[in-house]
Amino acid sequence: MFRRTKSDTTSATVPAEPQAKAGGKGRPTPSRKEAEAARKAAYKKPRNRKEASALRREKMAAERAKMQSALQTGDDRYLPAADKGPVRRFARDYVDARFSVMEFALPILLVVSLVGVVFSRQYPWLAGLVNIFFLIMVLFIFGDWFLLSGGLKKAVAKRHPGEPTKGIGFYAVRRTMQMRRWRLPKPMVKRGERPN
């Protein structure tokens, strides 16, 4: 009356294939023994000085690669210590968002001094003009420095109250003196854009 048929017994003995769980890792969890072995292998001490120096070089190369990537992307975790932190990030954005005399001062002064050196024998009055131009540029640079430092310190005090701001003015000025395309970490804001 309740007997199994032959087709029922064959279907019951064939095990169903385990279905992969959606969102699973796709591999079995390692046993404790395997996990400990993997951890020990990762922290294996070098046997001699040559291995130690090779490991040190590999580690330093990996850190340098991470730092170079962070300088391109602005990832705060791997930036050099001088560029880390929200205050430094804000200072970089503040500098990159504005036009500055200091950014173009060095190329202009180089061109003017070259013109003065090349043509001063033919036109003696040109040396006086070059000197006056140098003085005017120095005044513009100091004015820009003063405005940048003052404005940045006020903005940092407003945006990040209680954060240390030691050396932030010089950090911003040093960044401003570089041409925008050569700045590292790379600029993350456009000119005229308000920094976050």
Protein backbone atom coordinates (compact mmCIF):
# COMPACT_ATOMS: atom_id res chain seq x y z
CA MET A 1 0.00 0.00 0.00
CA PHE A 2 2.69 2.49 0.96
CA ARG A 3 5.57 0.88 -0.87
CA ARG A 4 8.16 2.87 -2.69
CA THR A 5 8.43 2.57 -6.37
CA LYS A 6 11.77 2.15 -8.12
CA SER A 7 11.77 5.75 -9.43
CA ASP A 8 11.28 7.11 -5.87
CA THR A 9 14.31 5.24 -4.54
CA THR A 10 16.67 6.48 -7.26
CA SER A 11 15.65 10.09 -6.82
CA ALA A 12 16.07 9.80 -3.06
CA THR A 13 19.60 8.40 -3.23
CA VAL A 14 21.03 11.07 -5.60
CA PRO A 15 22.22 13.96 -3.43
CA ALA A 16 21.31 17.41 -4.65
CA GLU A 17 24.22 19.68 -5.58
CA PRO A 18 24.87 22.32 -2.94
CA GLN A 19 23.71 25.67 -4.20
CA ALA A 20 26.12 28.58 -3.73
CA LYS A 21 24.67 31.09 -1.34
CA ALA A 22 23.99 34.46 -2.97
CA GLY A 23 26.54 36.97 -1.74
CA GLY A 24 28.76 34.23 -0.28
CA LYS A 25 32.54 34.19 -0.52
CA GLY A 26 32.58 31.20 -2.88
CA ARG A 27 35.10 29.13 -0.92
CA PRO A 28 35.05 27.11 2.29
CA THR A 29 36.08 28.72 5.55
CA PRO A 30 39.65 27.73 6.40
CA SER A 31 40.20 25.63 9.49
CA ARG A 32 41.96 27.12 12.50
CA LYS A 33 45.11 25.19 11.66
CA GLU A 34 45.18 26.57 8.09
CA ALA A 35 44.47 30.12 9.26
CA GLU A 36 47.26 30.00 11.86
CA ALA A 37 49.70 28.60 9.29
CA ALA A 38 48.85 31.39 6.86
CA ARG A 39 49.27 34.01 9.60
CA LYS A 40 52.65 32.58 10.64
CA ALA A 41 53.81 32.51 7.02
CA ALA A 42 52.94 36.18 6.67
CA TYR A 43 55.06 37.08 9.70
CA LYS A 44 57.90 34.67 8.98
CA LYS A 45 61.22 36.08 10.07
CA PRO A 46 64.04 36.25 7.52
CA ARG A 47 66.82 33.72 7.97
CA ASN A 48 69.72 36.01 7.10
CA ARG A 49 70.65 39.63 6.42
CA LYS A 50 70.12 39.30 2.66
CA GLU A 51 66.53 38.12 3.09
CA ALA A 52 65.89 40.84 5.66
CA SER A 53 67.09 43.58 3.30
CA ALA A 54 65.06 42.10 0.43
CA LEU A 55 61.92 42.07 2.60
CA ARG A 56 62.62 45.64 3.73
CA ARG A 57 63.04 46.79 0.12
CA GLU A 58 59.78 45.11 -0.92
CA LYS A 59 57.93 46.68 1.99
CA MET A 60 59.34 50.14 1.24
CA ALA A 61 58.49 49.78 -2.46
CA ALA A 62 54.90 48.86 -1.59
CA GLU A 63 54.64 51.84 0.77
CA ARG A 64 56.07 54.17 -1.89
CA ALA A 65 53.57 52.86 -4.45
CA LYS A 66 50.70 53.48 -2.03
CA MET A 67 52.02 56.99 -1.31
CA GLN A 68 52.36 57.83 -5.03
CA SER A 69 48.82 56.62 -5.62
CA ALA A 70 47.58 58.70 -2.68
CA LEU A 71 49.33 61.80 -4.04
CA GLN A 72 47.38 61.37 -7.27
CA THR A 73 44.01 60.54 -5.69
CA GLY A 74 44.19 62.47 -2.39
CA ASP A 75 43.63 59.36 -0.24
CA ASP A 76 44.42 60.64 3.27
CA ARG A 77 45.43 57.22 4.66
CA TYR A 78 48.66 56.95 2.66
CA LEU A 79 49.67 60.60 2.27
CA PRO A 80 52.96 61.79 3.75
CA ALA A 81 52.69 63.08 7.33
CA ALA A 82 53.09 66.70 6.16
CA ASP A 83 49.93 66.43 4.01
CA LYS A 84 47.66 64.42 6.31
CA GLY A 85 44.59 65.66 8.12
CA PRO A 86 41.43 67.63 7.39
CA VAL A 87 43.10 71.01 8.01
CA ARG A 88 45.84 70.32 5.46
CA ARG A 89 43.23 69.05 2.99
CA PHE A 90 41.22 72.25 3.45
CA ALA A 91 44.39 74.36 3.02
CA ARG A 92 45.20 72.58 -0.25
CA ASP A 93 41.66 73.11 -1.54
CA TYR A 94 41.74 76.76 -0.43
CA VAL A 95 45.00 77.34 -2.35
CA ASP A 96 43.90 75.41 -5.45
CA ALA A 97 40.59 77.28 -5.69
CA ARG A 98 42.17 80.74 -5.98
CA PHE A 99 44.31 82.59 -8.49
CA SER A 100 47.62 83.70 -7.05
CA VAL A 101 50.49 85.99 -8.04
CA MET A 102 52.99 83.65 -6.38
CA GLU A 103 52.06 80.80 -8.70
CA PHE A 104 53.31 82.69 -11.74
CA ALA A 105 56.06 84.70 -10.03
CA LEU A 106 58.92 82.26 -10.54
CA PRO A 107 58.42 81.72 -14.31
CA ILE A 108 57.92 85.46 -14.89
CA LEU A 109 61.01 86.39 -12.87
CA LEU A 110 63.09 83.80 -14.73
CA VAL A 111 62.01 85.17 -18.12
CA VAL A 112 62.60 88.78 -17.07
CA SER A 113 66.04 88.04 -15.61
CA LEU A 114 66.99 86.13 -18.79
CA VAL A 115 65.89 89.06 -20.94
CA GLY A 116 67.91 91.42 -18.70
CA VAL A 117 71.05 89.29 -18.97
CA VAL A 118 70.81 88.80 -22.75
CA PHE A 119 69.93 92.38 -23.78
CA SER A 120 71.59 94.49 -21.04
CA ARG A 121 74.74 95.15 -23.12
CA GLN A 122 72.77 96.43 -26.09
CA TYR A 123 70.26 98.37 -23.96
CA PRO A 124 71.88 99.55 -20.69
CA TRP A 125 68.63 101.16 -19.46
CA LEU A 126 67.01 97.66 -19.47
CA ALA A 127 68.91 96.67 -16.30
CA GLY A 128 67.18 99.45 -14.36
CA LEU A 129 63.76 98.34 -15.62
CA VAL A 130 64.49 94.74 -14.65
CA ASN A 131 65.44 95.83 -11.11
CA ILE A 132 62.25 97.89 -10.76
CA PHE A 133 60.18 94.97 -12.05
CA PHE A 134 61.85 92.65 -9.52
CA LEU A 135 60.95 95.02 -6.67
CA ILE A 136 57.34 95.31 -7.84
CA MET A 137 57.04 91.52 -8.09
CA VAL A 138 58.48 91.09 -4.59
CA LEU A 139 55.88 93.55 -3.23
CA PHE A 140 53.11 91.65 -5.03
CA ILE A 141 54.40 88.34 -3.64
CA PHE A 142 54.46 89.63 -0.07
CA GLY A 143 50.98 91.11 -0.46
CA ASP A 144 49.65 87.83 -1.84
CA TRP A 145 51.39 85.92 0.97
CA PHE A 146 49.78 88.16 3.59
CA LEU A 147 46.28 87.88 2.06
CA LEU A 148 46.58 84.11 1.62
CA SER A 149 47.80 83.42 5.17
CA GLY A 150 45.25 85.71 6.80
CA GLY A 151 42.31 84.44 4.77
CA LEU A 152 43.29 80.80 5.26
CA LYS A 153 43.67 81.11 9.02
CA LYS A 154 40.24 82.74 9.31
CA ALA A 155 38.65 80.07 7.12
CA VAL A 156 40.31 77.24 9.07
CA ALA A 157 39.19 78.73 12.40
CA LYS A 158 35.65 78.89 11.03
CA ARG A 159 35.56 75.43 9.40
CA HIS A 160 37.75 73.46 11.83
CA PRO A 161 37.57 75.13 15.24
CA GLY A 162 39.91 73.67 17.83
CA GLU A 163 42.18 71.99 15.24
CA PRO A 164 45.90 72.86 15.43
CA THR A 165 46.90 75.32 12.70
CA LYS A 166 50.63 75.57 13.36
CA GLY A 167 52.56 76.00 10.10
CA ILE A 168 49.41 76.08 7.96
CA GLY A 169 50.25 79.48 6.45
CA PHE A 170 53.71 78.41 5.31
CA TYR A 171 52.28 75.12 4.01
CA ALA A 172 49.79 77.03 1.86
CA VAL A 173 52.42 79.50 0.61
CA ARG A 174 54.77 76.66 -0.33
CA ARG A 175 51.97 75.01 -2.31
CA THR A 176 51.03 78.30 -3.96
CA MET A 177 54.57 78.80 -5.26
CA GLN A 178 54.25 75.64 -7.37
CA MET A 179 52.52 75.67 -10.73
CA ARG A 180 49.07 74.12 -10.40
CA ARG A 181 49.73 71.14 -12.71
CA TRP A 182 52.86 70.14 -10.75
CA ARG A 183 51.33 70.27 -7.28
CA LEU A 184 51.28 67.12 -5.19
CA PRO A 185 48.84 65.97 -3.86
CA LYS A 186 46.95 66.75 -7.05
CA PRO A 187 44.38 69.58 -6.88
CA MET A 188 40.88 68.26 -6.14
CA VAL A 189 38.95 71.51 -6.73
CA LYS A 190 38.62 73.77 -9.76
CA ARG A 191 39.63 77.41 -9.74
CA GLY A 192 36.91 79.58 -8.28
CA GLU A 193 35.22 76.61 -6.59
CA ARG A 194 34.55 76.91 -2.87
CA PRO A 195 36.62 74.42 -0.86
CA ASN A 196 34.75 71.90 1.34
